[in-house]
Amino acid sequence: RAPAEFIPPVEMDIIDRRKAMPLDENEGIYVRDIKNGKVRAVVGQTYILNQDEELWSKELPEQIEKLLSAEIDPLADRTARAHNKDNKGRVKHKVVTYRVPHNAAAQIYDYKAKRARVAFGPDLIMLAPDEHFTQLSLSGGKPKRPNVIRSLCLLLGPDFMTDIITVETSDHARLSLQLSYNWHFEVEESNEASAAALFAVPDFVGDACKALASRIRGAVASVPFDDFHRNSARIIRTSVFGLDENMKVKDSFRFNANRLVITNVDNSRTEKTSRQLMT
């Protein structure tokens, strides 16, 4: 080890020359012990490999590699088209880092310990050798289609999502509704069970839109076209939020599985696709 002067004898071969690697507190490398095979992360120090160590390359799924290298803004670039940016190659022996933006959460699963942890933004995630990200594949577009939005973090809202559904009244008038739902997640960051519930539903957008569309279709199917035309806002809000003990429309609708809260629904457009009234 330096500083020193070493003159190898003629019968000795120099296999490798190793230099010290200075690492910032937000930088690290994966090091593998070739004797026992254990891998560890070295972070925030100047380190030089000894004779029994080597750099270890951490492999990640192809889709996660693309999300990390493309440096996608989770809020601005939420469509699959935004993922076609030029990807930068990752140095695989460096510790994988990811910046969780404000008002967002990311889940990391440790396959060795068999447990997950959730990081709330703003935060910097540094993956241990046995950890991997939980990738989100969310529905998008109008009407909603699965696997349109891919991300490593979950935005906590408030935000909105728009869907187009087809409903049919009791007198068989078929209508196309464009609906916008305001939503947010209610979560206690200090509560592990509450944080883990955020990721209990893999595609919260698609599941929520399907559930809400089913409630709305059921309500519209019980009224004739003229009644729905006059009272569409009240019928839709009542079907989504329900009524309290005083027969007033509730303020919100909660999905207990993942702590998603719908706070408003707006019918921004109604179009008749057909009308076949019963005689």
C-alpha atoms as a PDB file:
ATOM      1  CA  ARG A   1       0.000   0.000   0.000  1.00  0.00           C
ATOM      2  CA  ALA A   2       1.165   3.520  -0.819  1.00  0.00           C
ATOM      3  CA  PRO A   3       3.055   5.529   0.016  1.00  0.00           C
ATOM      4  CA  ALA A   4       5.861   3.040  -0.576  1.00  0.00           C
ATOM      5  CA  GLU A   5       8.411   2.003  -3.175  1.00  0.00           C
ATOM      6  CA  PHE A   6       8.173  -1.547  -4.429  1.00  0.00           C
ATOM      7  CA  ILE A   7      10.517  -3.229  -6.845  1.00  0.00           C
ATOM      8  CA  PRO A   8       9.127  -6.614  -7.903  1.00  0.00           C
ATOM      9  CA  PRO A   9      11.583  -9.437  -8.489  1.00  0.00           C
ATOM     10  CA  VAL A  10      11.883 -10.823 -12.004  1.00  0.00           C
ATOM     11  CA  GLU A  11       9.904 -13.974 -11.194  1.00  0.00           C
ATOM     12  CA  MET A  12       6.884 -11.973  -9.945  1.00  0.00           C
ATOM     13  CA  ASP A  13       4.040 -10.781 -12.190  1.00  0.00           C
ATOM     14  CA  ILE A  14       2.051  -7.661 -11.352  1.00  0.00           C
ATOM     15  CA  ILE A  15      -1.604  -8.624 -11.730  1.00  0.00           C
ATOM     16  CA  ASP A  16      -3.267  -5.316 -10.916  1.00  0.00           C
ATOM     17  CA  ARG A  17      -2.579  -1.805  -9.696  1.00  0.00           C
ATOM     18  CA  ARG A  18      -5.192  -0.319  -7.403  1.00  0.00           C
ATOM     19  CA  LYS A  19      -5.780   3.307  -6.573  1.00  0.00           C
ATOM     20  CA  ALA A  20      -7.704   4.917  -3.763  1.00  0.00           C
ATOM     21  CA  MET A  21     -11.239   5.991  -4.689  1.00  0.00           C
ATOM     22  CA  PRO A  22     -12.424   9.159  -2.922  1.00  0.00           C
ATOM     23  CA  LEU A  23     -16.189   8.998  -2.295  1.00  0.00           C
ATOM     24  CA  ASP A  24     -18.503  11.826  -1.300  1.00  0.00           C
ATOM     25  CA  GLU A  25     -21.119  11.247   1.422  1.00  0.00           C
ATOM     26  CA  ASN A  26     -23.680  10.718  -1.377  1.00  0.00           C
ATOM     27  CA  GLU A  27     -21.456   8.360  -3.366  1.00  0.00           C
ATOM     28  CA  GLY A  28     -20.537   4.747  -2.871  1.00  0.00           C
ATOM     29  CA  ILE A  29     -19.270   1.556  -4.450  1.00  0.00           C
ATOM     30  CA  TYR A  30     -20.205  -2.122  -4.152  1.00  0.00           C
ATOM     31  CA  VAL A  31     -17.343  -4.287  -2.890  1.00  0.00           C
ATOM     32  CA  ARG A  32     -17.288  -8.096  -2.962  1.00  0.00           C
ATOM     33  CA  ASP A  33     -15.085 -10.266  -0.774  1.00  0.00           C
ATOM     34  CA  ILE A  34     -13.808 -13.003  -3.088  1.00  0.00           C
ATOM     35  CA  LYS A  35     -13.161 -15.370  -0.153  1.00  0.00           C
ATOM     36  CA  ASN A  36     -16.696 -15.546   1.243  1.00  0.00           C
ATOM     37  CA  GLY A  37     -18.678 -13.890  -1.565  1.00  0.00           C
ATOM     38  CA  LYS A  38     -20.258 -11.248   0.678  1.00  0.00           C
ATOM     39  CA  VAL A  39     -21.087  -7.929  -0.944  1.00  0.00           C
ATOM     40  CA  ARG A  40     -21.263  -4.627   0.902  1.00  0.00           C
ATOM     41  CA  ALA A  41     -21.631  -0.972   0.063  1.00  0.00           C
ATOM     42  CA  VAL A  42     -18.863   1.473   0.941  1.00  0.00           C
ATOM     43  CA  VAL A  43     -20.145   5.034   1.184  1.00  0.00           C
ATOM     44  CA  GLY A  44     -18.662   8.434   1.997  1.00  0.00           C
ATOM     45  CA  GLN A  45     -14.959   7.627   2.446  1.00  0.00           C
ATOM     46  CA  THR A  46     -11.746   7.214   0.524  1.00  0.00           C
ATOM     47  CA  TYR A  47     -11.361   3.507  -0.106  1.00  0.00           C
ATOM     48  CA  ILE A  48      -8.830   1.213  -1.738  1.00  0.00           C
ATOM     49  CA  LEU A  49      -9.539  -2.433  -2.444  1.00  0.00           C
ATOM     50  CA  ASN A  50      -7.394  -4.987  -0.641  1.00  0.00           C
ATOM     51  CA  GLN A  51      -6.053  -8.208  -2.126  1.00  0.00           C
ATOM     52  CA  ASP A  52      -9.232 -10.173  -1.339  1.00  0.00           C
ATOM     53  CA  GLU A  53     -11.749  -7.671  -2.707  1.00  0.00           C
ATOM     54  CA  GLU A  54     -13.130  -6.678  -6.063  1.00  0.00           C
ATOM     55  CA  LEU A  55     -15.694  -4.239  -7.414  1.00  0.00           C
ATOM     56  CA  TRP A  56     -19.129  -5.808  -7.788  1.00  0.00           C
ATOM     57  CA  SER A  57     -21.582  -4.861 -10.533  1.00  0.00           C
ATOM     58  CA  LYS A  58     -25.221  -4.515  -9.450  1.00  0.00           C
ATOM     59  CA  GLU A  59     -27.668  -5.608 -12.127  1.00  0.00           C
ATOM     60  CA  LEU A  60     -31.119  -4.033 -12.368  1.00  0.00           C
ATOM     61  CA  PRO A  61     -34.147  -4.849 -14.551  1.00  0.00           C
ATOM     62  CA  GLU A  62     -34.023  -3.178 -17.951  1.00  0.00           C
ATOM     63  CA  GLN A  63     -37.063  -0.970 -17.334  1.00  0.00           C
ATOM     64  CA  ILE A  64     -35.670   0.329 -14.035  1.00  0.00           C
ATOM     65  CA  GLU A  65     -32.336   1.045 -15.735  1.00  0.00           C
ATOM     66  CA  LYS A  66     -34.182   3.182 -18.281  1.00  0.00           C
ATOM     67  CA  LEU A  67     -36.080   5.091 -15.596  1.00  0.00           C
ATOM     68  CA  LEU A  68     -32.898   5.792 -13.629  1.00  0.00           C
ATOM     69  CA  SER A  69     -30.711   6.809 -16.558  1.00  0.00           C
ATOM     70  CA  ALA A  70     -33.327   8.929 -18.339  1.00  0.00           C
ATOM     71  CA  GLU A  71     -33.602  11.282 -15.323  1.00  0.00           C
ATOM     72  CA  ILE A  72     -37.363  11.576 -15.780  1.00  0.00           C
ATOM     73  CA  ASP A  73     -39.328  14.170 -13.836  1.00  0.00           C
ATOM     74  CA  PRO A  74     -42.087  12.109 -12.127  1.00  0.00           C
ATOM     75  CA  LEU A  75     -44.524  15.022 -12.310  1.00  0.00           C
ATOM     76  CA  ALA A  76     -43.805  16.485 -15.749  1.00  0.00           C
ATOM     77  CA  ASP A  77     -42.907  13.328 -17.703  1.00  0.00           C
ATOM     78  CA  ARG A  78     -45.687  10.907 -16.785  1.00  0.00           C
ATOM     79  CA  THR A  79     -46.331   9.296 -20.165  1.00  0.00           C
ATOM     80  CA  ALA A  80     -44.583   6.431 -21.936  1.00  0.00           C
ATOM     81  CA  ARG A  81     -43.596   8.822 -24.725  1.00  0.00           C
ATOM     82  CA  ALA A  82     -41.424  10.760 -22.303  1.00  0.00           C
ATOM     83  CA  HIS A  83     -39.324   7.640 -21.692  1.00  0.00           C
ATOM     84  CA  ASN A  84     -37.791   7.770 -25.154  1.00  0.00           C
ATOM     85  CA  LYS A  85     -35.098  10.186 -24.035  1.00  0.00           C
ATOM     86  CA  ASP A  86     -31.428   9.380 -24.549  1.00  0.00           C
ATOM     87  CA  ASN A  87     -30.353   7.155 -21.674  1.00  0.00           C
ATOM     88  CA  LYS A  88     -27.005   7.599 -19.976  1.00  0.00           C
ATOM     89  CA  GLY A  89     -25.067   4.446 -19.172  1.00  0.00           C
ATOM     90  CA  ARG A  90     -24.785   3.603 -15.476  1.00  0.00           C
ATOM     91  CA  VAL A  91     -21.488   2.612 -13.855  1.00  0.00           C
ATOM     92  CA  LYS A  92     -22.672  -0.648 -12.356  1.00  0.00           C
ATOM     93  CA  HIS A  93     -20.232  -0.888  -9.459  1.00  0.00           C
ATOM     94  CA  LYS A  94     -21.313   2.501  -8.102  1.00  0.00           C
ATOM     95  CA  VAL A  95     -24.065   2.566  -5.491  1.00  0.00           C
ATOM     96  CA  VAL A  96     -27.450   3.130  -7.150  1.00  0.00           C
ATOM     97  CA  THR A  97     -28.978   6.438  -6.066  1.00  0.00           C
ATOM     98  CA  TYR A  98     -32.406   7.955  -6.671  1.00  0.00           C
ATOM     99  CA  ARG A  99     -33.777  11.308  -5.554  1.00  0.00           C
ATOM    100  CA  VAL A 100     -37.366  11.084  -4.342  1.00  0.00           C
ATOM    101  CA  PRO A 101     -39.086  14.407  -5.118  1.00  0.00           C
ATOM    102  CA  HIS A 102     -41.140  16.435  -2.673  1.00  0.00           C
ATOM    103  CA  ASN A 103     -44.581  15.042  -1.807  1.00  0.00           C
ATOM    104  CA  ALA A 104     -43.777  11.609  -3.212  1.00  0.00           C
ATOM    105  CA  ALA A 105     -42.864   8.167  -1.894  1.00  0.00           C
ATOM    106  CA  ALA A 106     -40.752   5.277  -3.170  1.00  0.00           C
ATOM    107  CA  GLN A 107     -40.702   1.667  -1.977  1.00  0.00           C
ATOM    108  CA  ILE A 108     -37.518  -0.383  -1.716  1.00  0.00           C
ATOM    109  CA  TYR A 109     -37.557  -4.137  -1.121  1.00  0.00           C
ATOM    110  CA  ASP A 110     -34.702  -6.015   0.547  1.00  0.00           C
ATOM    111  CA  TYR A 111     -34.667  -9.551  -0.877  1.00  0.00           C
ATOM    112  CA  LYS A 112     -32.210 -10.779   1.754  1.00  0.00           C
ATOM    113  CA  ALA A 113     -34.115  -9.490   4.791  1.00  0.00           C
ATOM    114  CA  LYS A 114     -37.470 -10.035   2.995  1.00  0.00           C
ATOM    115  CA  ARG A 115     -38.927  -6.711   4.034  1.00  0.00           C
ATOM    116  CA  ALA A 116     -39.782  -3.421   2.375  1.00  0.00           C
ATOM    117  CA  ARG A 117     -39.169   0.168   3.389  1.00  0.00           C
ATOM    118  CA  VAL A 118     -40.758   3.370   2.123  1.00  0.00           C
ATOM    119  CA  ALA A 119     -38.832   6.614   1.584  1.00  0.00           C
ATOM    120  CA  PHE A 120     -40.714   9.910   1.546  1.00  0.00           C
ATOM    121  CA  GLY A 121     -39.391  12.871  -0.405  1.00  0.00           C
ATOM    122  CA  PRO A 122     -37.416  14.944  -0.521  1.00  0.00           C
ATOM    123  CA  ASP A 123     -34.865  12.203   0.105  1.00  0.00           C
ATOM    124  CA  LEU A 124     -31.907  10.469  -1.505  1.00  0.00           C
ATOM    125  CA  ILE A 125     -32.147   6.682  -1.730  1.00  0.00           C
ATOM    126  CA  MET A 126     -28.932   4.650  -1.815  1.00  0.00           C
ATOM    127  CA  LEU A 127     -29.561   0.992  -2.597  1.00  0.00           C
ATOM    128  CA  ALA A 128     -27.878  -1.705  -0.539  1.00  0.00           C
ATOM    129  CA  PRO A 129     -26.565  -4.721  -2.513  1.00  0.00           C
ATOM    130  CA  ASP A 130     -29.736  -6.788  -1.923  1.00  0.00           C
ATOM    131  CA  GLU A 131     -32.261  -3.966  -2.385  1.00  0.00           C
ATOM    132  CA  HIS A 132     -34.381  -3.197  -5.439  1.00  0.00           C
ATOM    133  CA  PHE A 133     -36.935  -0.550  -6.350  1.00  0.00           C
ATOM    134  CA  THR A 134     -40.650  -1.255  -6.625  1.00  0.00           C
ATOM    135  CA  GLN A 135     -41.617  -0.113 -10.106  1.00  0.00           C
ATOM    136  CA  LEU A 136     -45.062   1.425 -10.614  1.00  0.00           C
ATOM    137  CA  SER A 137     -47.006   0.738 -13.802  1.00  0.00           C
ATOM    138  CA  LEU A 138     -50.070   2.969 -13.801  1.00  0.00           C
ATOM    139  CA  SER A 139     -52.969   3.396 -16.184  1.00  0.00           C
ATOM    140  CA  GLY A 140     -53.104   6.529 -18.316  1.00  0.00           C
ATOM    141  CA  GLY A 141     -54.755   8.148 -21.313  1.00  0.00           C
ATOM    142  CA  LYS A 142     -58.453   8.816 -21.925  1.00  0.00           C
ATOM    143  CA  PRO A 143     -60.085   6.369 -21.576  1.00  0.00           C
ATOM    144  CA  LYS A 144     -57.682   4.706 -19.165  1.00  0.00           C
ATOM    145  CA  ARG A 145     -55.271   2.110 -20.554  1.00  0.00           C
ATOM    146  CA  PRO A 146     -52.956  -0.017 -18.383  1.00  0.00           C
ATOM    147  CA  ASN A 147     -49.154   0.344 -18.214  1.00  0.00           C
ATOM    148  CA  VAL A 148     -49.008   3.824 -19.742  1.00  0.00           C
ATOM    149  CA  ILE A 149     -47.191   5.568 -16.864  1.00  0.00           C
ATOM    150  CA  ARG A 150     -44.065   3.982 -15.408  1.00  0.00           C
ATOM    151  CA  SER A 151     -42.311   5.464 -12.410  1.00  0.00           C
ATOM    152  CA  LEU A 152     -40.150   4.650  -9.407  1.00  0.00           C
ATOM    153  CA  CYS A 153     -42.049   6.972  -7.078  1.00  0.00           C
ATOM    154  CA  LEU A 154     -45.675   7.492  -6.125  1.00  0.00           C
ATOM    155  CA  LEU A 155     -47.003  11.055  -6.123  1.00  0.00           C
ATOM    156  CA  LEU A 156     -49.110  11.709  -3.032  1.00  0.00           C
ATOM    157  CA  GLY A 157     -51.284  14.490  -4.446  1.00  0.00           C
ATOM    158  CA  PRO A 158     -53.443  16.522  -4.384  1.00  0.00           C
ATOM    159  CA  ASP A 159     -53.820  15.826  -8.086  1.00  0.00           C
ATOM    160  CA  PHE A 160     -56.499  14.824 -10.575  1.00  0.00           C
ATOM    161  CA  MET A 161     -57.120  12.079 -13.122  1.00  0.00           C
ATOM    162  CA  THR A 162     -59.456  12.121 -16.107  1.00  0.00           C
ATOM    163  CA  ASP A 163     -61.359   9.194 -17.564  1.00  0.00           C
ATOM    164  CA  ILE A 164     -63.955   8.664 -20.302  1.00  0.00           C
ATOM    165  CA  ILE A 165     -66.706   6.126 -19.626  1.00  0.00           C
ATOM    166  CA  THR A 166     -69.846   4.998 -21.424  1.00  0.00           C
ATOM    167  CA  VAL A 167     -73.108   4.798 -19.473  1.00  0.00           C
ATOM    168  CA  GLU A 168     -76.656   3.805 -20.371  1.00  0.00           C
ATOM    169  CA  THR A 169     -79.827   5.249 -18.868  1.00  0.00           C
ATOM    170  CA  SER A 170     -82.926   3.240 -17.954  1.00  0.00           C
ATOM    171  CA  ASP A 171     -84.523   4.143 -21.326  1.00  0.00           C
ATOM    172  CA  HIS A 172     -81.396   2.907 -23.155  1.00  0.00           C
ATOM    173  CA  ALA A 173     -79.792   6.232 -24.037  1.00  0.00           C
ATOM    174  CA  ARG A 174     -76.041   5.618 -24.320  1.00  0.00           C
ATOM    175  CA  LEU A 175     -73.845   8.524 -23.204  1.00  0.00           C
ATOM    176  CA  SER A 176     -70.116   9.177 -23.135  1.00  0.00           C
ATOM    177  CA  LEU A 177     -68.965  11.046 -20.012  1.00  0.00           C
ATOM    178  CA  GLN A 178     -65.595  12.695 -19.467  1.00  0.00           C
ATOM    179  CA  LEU A 179     -65.006  12.712 -15.722  1.00  0.00           C
ATOM    180  CA  SER A 180     -62.245  14.305 -13.658  1.00  0.00           C
ATOM    181  CA  TYR A 181     -61.511  13.036 -10.151  1.00  0.00           C
ATOM    182  CA  ASN A 182     -59.554  15.018  -7.562  1.00  0.00           C
ATOM    183  CA  TRP A 183     -57.529  12.749  -5.285  1.00  0.00           C
ATOM    184  CA  HIS A 184     -54.815  12.550  -2.680  1.00  0.00           C
ATOM    185  CA  PHE A 185     -53.303   9.987  -0.305  1.00  0.00           C
ATOM    186  CA  GLU A 186     -53.771  10.226   3.450  1.00  0.00           C
ATOM    187  CA  VAL A 187     -50.691   8.688   5.041  1.00  0.00           C
ATOM    188  CA  GLU A 188     -48.792   8.885   8.314  1.00  0.00           C
ATOM    189  CA  GLU A 189     -45.125   8.880   7.372  1.00  0.00           C
ATOM    190  CA  SER A 190     -44.068   7.662  10.825  1.00  0.00           C
ATOM    191  CA  ASN A 191     -46.439   4.672  10.658  1.00  0.00           C
ATOM    192  CA  GLU A 192     -44.914   1.723   8.762  1.00  0.00           C
ATOM    193  CA  ALA A 193     -48.267   0.038   8.120  1.00  0.00           C
ATOM    194  CA  SER A 194     -49.732   3.273   6.772  1.00  0.00           C
ATOM    195  CA  ALA A 195     -46.719   3.831   4.507  1.00  0.00           C
ATOM    196  CA  ALA A 196     -46.749   0.246   3.208  1.00  0.00           C
ATOM    197  CA  ALA A 197     -50.457   0.533   2.356  1.00  0.00           C
ATOM    198  CA  LEU A 198     -49.625   3.127  -0.317  1.00  0.00           C
ATOM    199  CA  PHE A 199     -48.189   0.361  -2.497  1.00  0.00           C
ATOM    200  CA  ALA A 200     -50.805  -2.284  -1.690  1.00  0.00           C
ATOM    201  CA  VAL A 201     -52.589  -1.609  -4.995  1.00  0.00           C
ATOM    202  CA  PRO A 202     -50.149  -1.885  -7.952  1.00  0.00           C
ATOM    203  CA  ASP A 203     -52.225   0.332 -10.303  1.00  0.00           C
ATOM    204  CA  PHE A 204     -54.222   2.701  -8.110  1.00  0.00           C
ATOM    205  CA  VAL A 205     -55.276   4.845 -11.093  1.00  0.00           C
ATOM    206  CA  GLY A 206     -56.798   1.985 -13.068  1.00  0.00           C
ATOM    207  CA  ASP A 207     -58.421   0.344 -10.048  1.00  0.00           C
ATOM    208  CA  ALA A 208     -59.911   3.612  -8.789  1.00  0.00           C
ATOM    209  CA  CYS A 209     -61.265   4.610 -12.199  1.00  0.00           C
ATOM    210  CA  LYS A 210     -62.857   1.166 -12.680  1.00  0.00           C
ATOM    211  CA  ALA A 211     -64.467   1.223  -9.235  1.00  0.00           C
ATOM    212  CA  LEU A 212     -65.809   4.747  -9.635  1.00  0.00           C
ATOM    213  CA  ALA A 213     -67.042   4.075 -13.182  1.00  0.00           C
ATOM    214  CA  SER A 214     -68.941   1.020 -11.914  1.00  0.00           C
ATOM    215  CA  ARG A 215     -70.705   3.083  -9.239  1.00  0.00           C
ATOM    216  CA  ILE A 216     -71.632   5.770 -11.767  1.00  0.00           C
ATOM    217  CA  ARG A 217     -72.931   3.257 -14.351  1.00  0.00           C
ATOM    218  CA  GLY A 218     -75.134   1.674 -11.722  1.00  0.00           C
ATOM    219  CA  ALA A 219     -76.641   5.010 -10.713  1.00  0.00           C
ATOM    220  CA  VAL A 220     -77.224   6.206 -14.276  1.00  0.00           C
ATOM    221  CA  ALA A 221     -78.828   2.901 -15.272  1.00  0.00           C
ATOM    222  CA  SER A 222     -81.622   3.521 -12.750  1.00  0.00           C
ATOM    223  CA  VAL A 223     -82.774   6.904 -14.122  1.00  0.00           C
ATOM    224  CA  PRO A 224     -84.227   7.954 -17.506  1.00  0.00           C
ATOM    225  CA  PHE A 225     -82.329  10.227 -19.875  1.00  0.00           C
ATOM    226  CA  ASP A 226     -84.343  13.373 -19.106  1.00  0.00           C
ATOM    227  CA  ASP A 227     -83.734  13.043 -15.359  1.00  0.00           C
ATOM    228  CA  PHE A 228     -80.020  12.471 -15.861  1.00  0.00           C
ATOM    229  CA  HIS A 229     -79.795  15.439 -18.241  1.00  0.00           C
ATOM    230  CA  ARG A 230     -81.322  17.751 -15.632  1.00  0.00           C
ATOM    231  CA  ASN A 231     -79.538  16.386 -12.559  1.00  0.00           C
ATOM    232  CA  SER A 232     -76.331  14.828 -13.884  1.00  0.00           C
ATOM    233  CA  ALA A 233     -74.007  16.519 -11.372  1.00  0.00           C
ATOM    234  CA  ARG A 234     -76.083  15.448  -8.356  1.00  0.00           C
ATOM    235  CA  ILE A 235     -76.535  11.882  -9.635  1.00  0.00           C
ATOM    236  CA  ILE A 236     -72.815  11.440 -10.320  1.00  0.00           C
ATOM    237  CA  ARG A 237     -71.688  12.953  -6.994  1.00  0.00           C
ATOM    238  CA  THR A 238     -74.218  10.889  -5.052  1.00  0.00           C
ATOM    239  CA  SER A 239     -73.132   7.675  -6.766  1.00  0.00           C
ATOM    240  CA  VAL A 240     -69.442   8.341  -6.029  1.00  0.00           C
ATOM    241  CA  PHE A 241     -69.570   9.766  -2.487  1.00  0.00           C
ATOM    242  CA  GLY A 242     -72.809   8.325  -1.130  1.00  0.00           C
ATOM    243  CA  LEU A 243     -75.158   9.924   1.409  1.00  0.00           C
ATOM    244  CA  ASP A 244     -74.676  10.499   5.140  1.00  0.00           C
ATOM    245  CA  GLU A 245     -77.276   9.988   7.865  1.00  0.00           C
ATOM    246  CA  ASN A 246     -78.821  13.382   7.026  1.00  0.00           C
ATOM    247  CA  MET A 247     -79.234  12.388   3.364  1.00  0.00           C
ATOM    248  CA  LYS A 248     -76.556  14.857   2.277  1.00  0.00           C
ATOM    249  CA  VAL A 249     -73.788  14.011  -0.182  1.00  0.00           C
ATOM    250  CA  LYS A 250     -70.560  13.123   1.617  1.00  0.00           C
ATOM    251  CA  ASP A 251     -67.390  15.152   1.074  1.00  0.00           C
ATOM    252  CA  SER A 252     -65.107  12.303   0.035  1.00  0.00           C
ATOM    253  CA  PHE A 253     -64.797   8.640  -0.846  1.00  0.00           C
ATOM    254  CA  ARG A 254     -61.957   6.541   0.592  1.00  0.00           C
ATOM    255  CA  PHE A 255     -60.239   3.420  -0.672  1.00  0.00           C
ATOM    256  CA  ASN A 256     -59.127   1.792   2.580  1.00  0.00           C
ATOM    257  CA  ALA A 257     -56.772  -0.665   0.860  1.00  0.00           C
ATOM    258  CA  ASN A 258     -54.264   2.008  -0.180  1.00  0.00           C
ATOM    259  CA  ARG A 259     -55.513   5.138   1.683  1.00  0.00           C
ATOM    260  CA  LEU A 260     -56.559   6.898  -1.532  1.00  0.00           C
ATOM    261  CA  VAL A 261     -59.148   9.655  -1.040  1.00  0.00           C
ATOM    262  CA  ILE A 262     -61.388  11.023  -3.821  1.00  0.00           C
ATOM    263  CA  THR A 263     -62.461  14.572  -2.898  1.00  0.00           C
ATOM    264  CA  ASN A 264     -64.315  15.772  -6.000  1.00  0.00           C
ATOM    265  CA  VAL A 265     -65.747  14.561  -9.295  1.00  0.00           C
ATOM    266  CA  ASP A 266     -66.547  16.791 -12.247  1.00  0.00           C
ATOM    267  CA  ASN A 267     -68.396  15.875 -15.431  1.00  0.00           C
ATOM    268  CA  SER A 268     -66.645  18.088 -17.966  1.00  0.00           C
ATOM    269  CA  ARG A 269     -68.316  16.691 -21.101  1.00  0.00           C
ATOM    270  CA  THR A 270     -71.379  14.620 -22.004  1.00  0.00           C
ATOM    271  CA  GLU A 271     -71.962  13.235 -25.487  1.00  0.00           C
ATOM    272  CA  LYS A 272     -74.804  11.064 -26.755  1.00  0.00           C
ATOM    273  CA  THR A 273     -73.514   8.011 -28.574  1.00  0.00           C
ATOM    274  CA  SER A 274     -76.978   6.573 -29.302  1.00  0.00           C
ATOM    275  CA  ARG A 275     -80.521   6.764 -28.044  1.00  0.00           C
ATOM    276  CA  GLN A 276     -82.896   3.893 -28.451  1.00  0.00           C
ATOM    277  CA  LEU A 277     -85.900   4.647 -26.277  1.00  0.00           C
ATOM    278  CA  MET A 278     -88.198   1.780 -25.358  1.00  0.00           C
ATOM    279  CA  THR A 279     -91.731   2.087 -26.721  1.00  0.00           C
END
